[in-house]
């Protein structure tokens, strides 16, 4: 089972991560958390790796709707979006909101997942439409 929605962008990492933030905001998502995996692993383990960010994105109306259906859904919120370098390009991945339906088995989660998927797909598509 695939659990991601992924696009590849041919642009510098710093530009792409800024474009991702803007694309998410255009679709009603705010970035609540940010983990710089590259910096954390370097500081804590002395391990060098490629640029890798995990952005915790949240769309408040959708989060509210999901929480009304299942209070435990907070375990899967916010939607994680990864921005990472891979060779000469940048990969942007979002968790597939359909996993909420699969993991919970709740029919009430389906409209939330469908709308979140539509919005995340629009954000990802805008990254490739603009070239980054």
C-alpha atoms as a PDB file:
ATOM      1  CA  UNK A   1       0.000   0.000   0.000  1.00  0.00           C
ATOM      2  CA  UNK A   2       1.394   3.366  -1.017  1.00  0.00           C
ATOM      3  CA  UNK A   3       1.137   5.976   1.714  1.00  0.00           C
ATOM      4  CA  UNK A   4       2.595   8.997  -0.073  1.00  0.00           C
ATOM      5  CA  UNK A   5       1.860  11.550  -2.770  1.00  0.00           C
ATOM      6  CA  UNK A   6       5.139  12.543  -4.424  1.00  0.00           C
ATOM      7  CA  UNK A   7       6.489  15.007  -6.965  1.00  0.00           C
ATOM      8  CA  UNK A   8      10.022  15.671  -8.143  1.00  0.00           C
ATOM      9  CA  UNK A   9      11.193  19.204  -8.802  1.00  0.00           C
ATOM     10  CA  UNK A  10      14.248  20.392 -10.732  1.00  0.00           C
ATOM     11  CA  UNK A  11      15.194  23.452  -8.681  1.00  0.00           C
ATOM     12  CA  UNK A  12      17.494  24.348  -5.780  1.00  0.00           C
ATOM     13  CA  UNK A  13      16.477  22.914  -2.394  1.00  0.00           C
ATOM     14  CA  UNK A  14      16.073  26.303  -0.681  1.00  0.00           C
ATOM     15  CA  UNK A  15      13.777  27.527  -3.456  1.00  0.00           C
ATOM     16  CA  UNK A  16      11.693  24.354  -3.383  1.00  0.00           C
ATOM     17  CA  UNK A  17      11.168  24.396   0.378  1.00  0.00           C
ATOM     18  CA  UNK A  18       9.990  28.010   0.143  1.00  0.00           C
ATOM     19  CA  UNK A  19       7.719  27.106  -2.783  1.00  0.00           C
ATOM     20  CA  UNK A  20       6.287  24.181  -0.787  1.00  0.00           C
ATOM     21  CA  UNK A  21       5.381  26.490   2.098  1.00  0.00           C
ATOM     22  CA  UNK A  22       3.703  28.911  -0.302  1.00  0.00           C
ATOM     23  CA  UNK A  23       1.845  26.112  -2.135  1.00  0.00           C
ATOM     24  CA  UNK A  24       0.568  24.696   1.149  1.00  0.00           C
ATOM     25  CA  UNK A  25      -0.558  28.143   2.324  1.00  0.00           C
ATOM     26  CA  UNK A  26      -2.385  28.698  -0.988  1.00  0.00           C
ATOM     27  CA  UNK A  27      -4.400  25.547  -0.217  1.00  0.00           C
ATOM     28  CA  UNK A  28      -5.252  26.575   3.361  1.00  0.00           C
ATOM     29  CA  UNK A  29      -2.476  24.702   5.189  1.00  0.00           C
ATOM     30  CA  UNK A  30      -0.231  26.256   7.782  1.00  0.00           C
ATOM     31  CA  UNK A  31       3.120  24.793   8.770  1.00  0.00           C
ATOM     32  CA  UNK A  32       2.917  24.115  12.514  1.00  0.00           C
ATOM     33  CA  UNK A  33       6.154  22.208  12.944  1.00  0.00           C
ATOM     34  CA  UNK A  34       9.451  21.863  11.149  1.00  0.00           C
ATOM     35  CA  UNK A  35      12.163  19.289  11.684  1.00  0.00           C
ATOM     36  CA  UNK A  36      15.489  19.853   9.963  1.00  0.00           C
ATOM     37  CA  UNK A  37      16.585  16.213   9.898  1.00  0.00           C
ATOM     38  CA  UNK A  38      19.930  17.047   8.292  1.00  0.00           C
ATOM     39  CA  UNK A  39      20.869  19.518  11.054  1.00  0.00           C
ATOM     40  CA  UNK A  40      19.520  17.299  13.844  1.00  0.00           C
ATOM     41  CA  UNK A  41      21.425  14.195  12.773  1.00  0.00           C
ATOM     42  CA  UNK A  42      24.601  16.251  12.302  1.00  0.00           C
ATOM     43  CA  UNK A  43      24.287  17.827  15.765  1.00  0.00           C
ATOM     44  CA  UNK A  44      23.223  14.695  17.647  1.00  0.00           C
ATOM     45  CA  UNK A  45      25.107  11.950  15.819  1.00  0.00           C
ATOM     46  CA  UNK A  46      27.754  13.695  13.740  1.00  0.00           C
ATOM     47  CA  UNK A  47      26.067  12.132  10.683  1.00  0.00           C
ATOM     48  CA  UNK A  48      26.193  14.056   7.404  1.00  0.00           C
ATOM     49  CA  UNK A  49      23.291  13.658   4.998  1.00  0.00           C
ATOM     50  CA  UNK A  50      21.456  15.501   2.242  1.00  0.00           C
ATOM     51  CA  UNK A  51      19.024  18.338   3.043  1.00  0.00           C
ATOM     52  CA  UNK A  52      15.840  16.806   4.515  1.00  0.00           C
ATOM     53  CA  UNK A  53      12.970  18.744   6.088  1.00  0.00           C
ATOM     54  CA  UNK A  54       9.786  17.418   7.636  1.00  0.00           C
ATOM     55  CA  UNK A  55       7.022  20.018   7.671  1.00  0.00           C
ATOM     56  CA  UNK A  56       3.955  19.425   9.836  1.00  0.00           C
ATOM     57  CA  UNK A  57       1.144  21.007   7.817  1.00  0.00           C
ATOM     58  CA  UNK A  58      -2.369  21.574   9.130  1.00  0.00           C
ATOM     59  CA  UNK A  59      -5.611  22.696   7.538  1.00  0.00           C
ATOM     60  CA  UNK A  60      -7.680  23.773  10.588  1.00  0.00           C
ATOM     61  CA  UNK A  61     -11.178  23.088   9.155  1.00  0.00           C
ATOM     62  CA  UNK A  62     -10.158  19.605   8.031  1.00  0.00           C
ATOM     63  CA  UNK A  63      -8.360  18.885  11.301  1.00  0.00           C
ATOM     64  CA  UNK A  64     -11.491  19.931  13.206  1.00  0.00           C
ATOM     65  CA  UNK A  65     -13.696  17.720  11.065  1.00  0.00           C
ATOM     66  CA  UNK A  66     -11.358  14.742  11.553  1.00  0.00           C
ATOM     67  CA  UNK A  67     -11.159  15.295  15.320  1.00  0.00           C
ATOM     68  CA  UNK A  68     -14.954  15.429  15.553  1.00  0.00           C
ATOM     69  CA  UNK A  69     -15.093  12.000  13.895  1.00  0.00           C
ATOM     70  CA  UNK A  70     -12.302  10.473  16.006  1.00  0.00           C
ATOM     71  CA  UNK A  71     -10.414  12.174  18.830  1.00  0.00           C
ATOM     72  CA  UNK A  72      -7.531   9.716  18.402  1.00  0.00           C
ATOM     73  CA  UNK A  73      -6.928  10.976  14.847  1.00  0.00           C
ATOM     74  CA  UNK A  74      -4.573  13.513  16.387  1.00  0.00           C
ATOM     75  CA  UNK A  75      -1.998  10.734  16.213  1.00  0.00           C
ATOM     76  CA  UNK A  76      -2.015  11.210  12.442  1.00  0.00           C
ATOM     77  CA  UNK A  77      -2.196  15.019  12.435  1.00  0.00           C
ATOM     78  CA  UNK A  78      -0.724  17.251  11.155  1.00  0.00           C
ATOM     79  CA  UNK A  79      -0.099  16.075   7.613  1.00  0.00           C
ATOM     80  CA  UNK A  80       3.617  15.486   7.206  1.00  0.00           C
ATOM     81  CA  UNK A  81       5.259  16.906   4.107  1.00  0.00           C
ATOM     82  CA  UNK A  82       8.865  15.957   3.378  1.00  0.00           C
ATOM     83  CA  UNK A  83      11.203  18.072   1.263  1.00  0.00           C
ATOM     84  CA  UNK A  84      14.458  16.259   0.511  1.00  0.00           C
ATOM     85  CA  UNK A  85      17.350  16.401  -1.905  1.00  0.00           C
ATOM     86  CA  UNK A  86      17.892  13.375  -4.080  1.00  0.00           C
ATOM     87  CA  UNK A  87      20.782  13.701  -6.489  1.00  0.00           C
ATOM     88  CA  UNK A  88      20.248  16.709  -8.756  1.00  0.00           C
ATOM     89  CA  UNK A  89      16.578  17.198  -7.882  1.00  0.00           C
ATOM     90  CA  UNK A  90      14.291  17.714  -4.897  1.00  0.00           C
ATOM     91  CA  UNK A  91      11.585  15.262  -3.882  1.00  0.00           C
ATOM     92  CA  UNK A  92       8.452  16.582  -2.174  1.00  0.00           C
ATOM     93  CA  UNK A  93       6.254  14.012  -0.477  1.00  0.00           C
ATOM     94  CA  UNK A  94       3.027  14.320   1.460  1.00  0.00           C
ATOM     95  CA  UNK A  95       1.427  11.568   3.463  1.00  0.00           C
ATOM     96  CA  UNK A  96      -1.612  10.248   1.610  1.00  0.00           C
ATOM     97  CA  UNK A  97      -4.653  11.377   3.635  1.00  0.00           C
ATOM     98  CA  UNK A  98      -6.381   8.164   2.605  1.00  0.00           C
ATOM     99  CA  UNK A  99      -4.282   6.439   5.263  1.00  0.00           C
ATOM    100  CA  UNK A 100      -6.623   8.011   7.845  1.00  0.00           C
ATOM    101  CA  UNK A 101      -9.495   6.019   6.382  1.00  0.00           C
ATOM    102  CA  UNK A 102      -7.449   2.847   6.027  1.00  0.00           C
ATOM    103  CA  UNK A 103      -6.049   2.988   9.560  1.00  0.00           C
ATOM    104  CA  UNK A 104      -9.240   4.017  11.346  1.00  0.00           C
ATOM    105  CA  UNK A 105     -11.792   2.170   9.232  1.00  0.00           C
ATOM    106  CA  UNK A 106     -14.178   5.077   9.875  1.00  0.00           C
ATOM    107  CA  UNK A 107     -16.506   6.092   7.045  1.00  0.00           C
ATOM    108  CA  UNK A 108     -16.724   9.578   8.592  1.00  0.00           C
ATOM    109  CA  UNK A 109     -13.041  10.057   7.768  1.00  0.00           C
ATOM    110  CA  UNK A 110     -13.606   9.576   4.009  1.00  0.00           C
ATOM    111  CA  UNK A 111     -14.798  13.117   3.149  1.00  0.00           C
ATOM    112  CA  UNK A 112     -11.960  14.610   5.217  1.00  0.00           C
ATOM    113  CA  UNK A 113      -9.396  12.431   3.441  1.00  0.00           C
ATOM    114  CA  UNK A 114     -10.875  13.202   0.027  1.00  0.00           C
ATOM    115  CA  UNK A 115     -10.741  16.971   0.591  1.00  0.00           C
ATOM    116  CA  UNK A 116      -7.259  16.842   2.117  1.00  0.00           C
ATOM    117  CA  UNK A 117      -6.090  14.766  -0.859  1.00  0.00           C
ATOM    118  CA  UNK A 118      -7.571  17.286  -3.296  1.00  0.00           C
ATOM    119  CA  UNK A 119      -5.832  20.187  -1.549  1.00  0.00           C
ATOM    120  CA  UNK A 120      -2.475  18.448  -1.133  1.00  0.00           C
ATOM    121  CA  UNK A 121      -2.530  17.279  -4.755  1.00  0.00           C
ATOM    122  CA  UNK A 122      -3.215  20.857  -5.860  1.00  0.00           C
ATOM    123  CA  UNK A 123      -0.279  22.095  -3.800  1.00  0.00           C
ATOM    124  CA  UNK A 124       2.035  19.435  -5.214  1.00  0.00           C
ATOM    125  CA  UNK A 125       0.839  20.028  -8.766  1.00  0.00           C
ATOM    126  CA  UNK A 126       1.585  23.734  -8.448  1.00  0.00           C
ATOM    127  CA  UNK A 127       5.211  22.893  -7.680  1.00  0.00           C
ATOM    128  CA  UNK A 128       5.703  21.029 -10.924  1.00  0.00           C
ATOM    129  CA  UNK A 129       3.611  23.489 -12.951  1.00  0.00           C
ATOM    130  CA  UNK A 130       5.908  26.361 -12.009  1.00  0.00           C
ATOM    131  CA  UNK A 131       9.092  24.342 -12.318  1.00  0.00           C
ATOM    132  CA  UNK A 132       9.679  24.530  -8.611  1.00  0.00           C
END
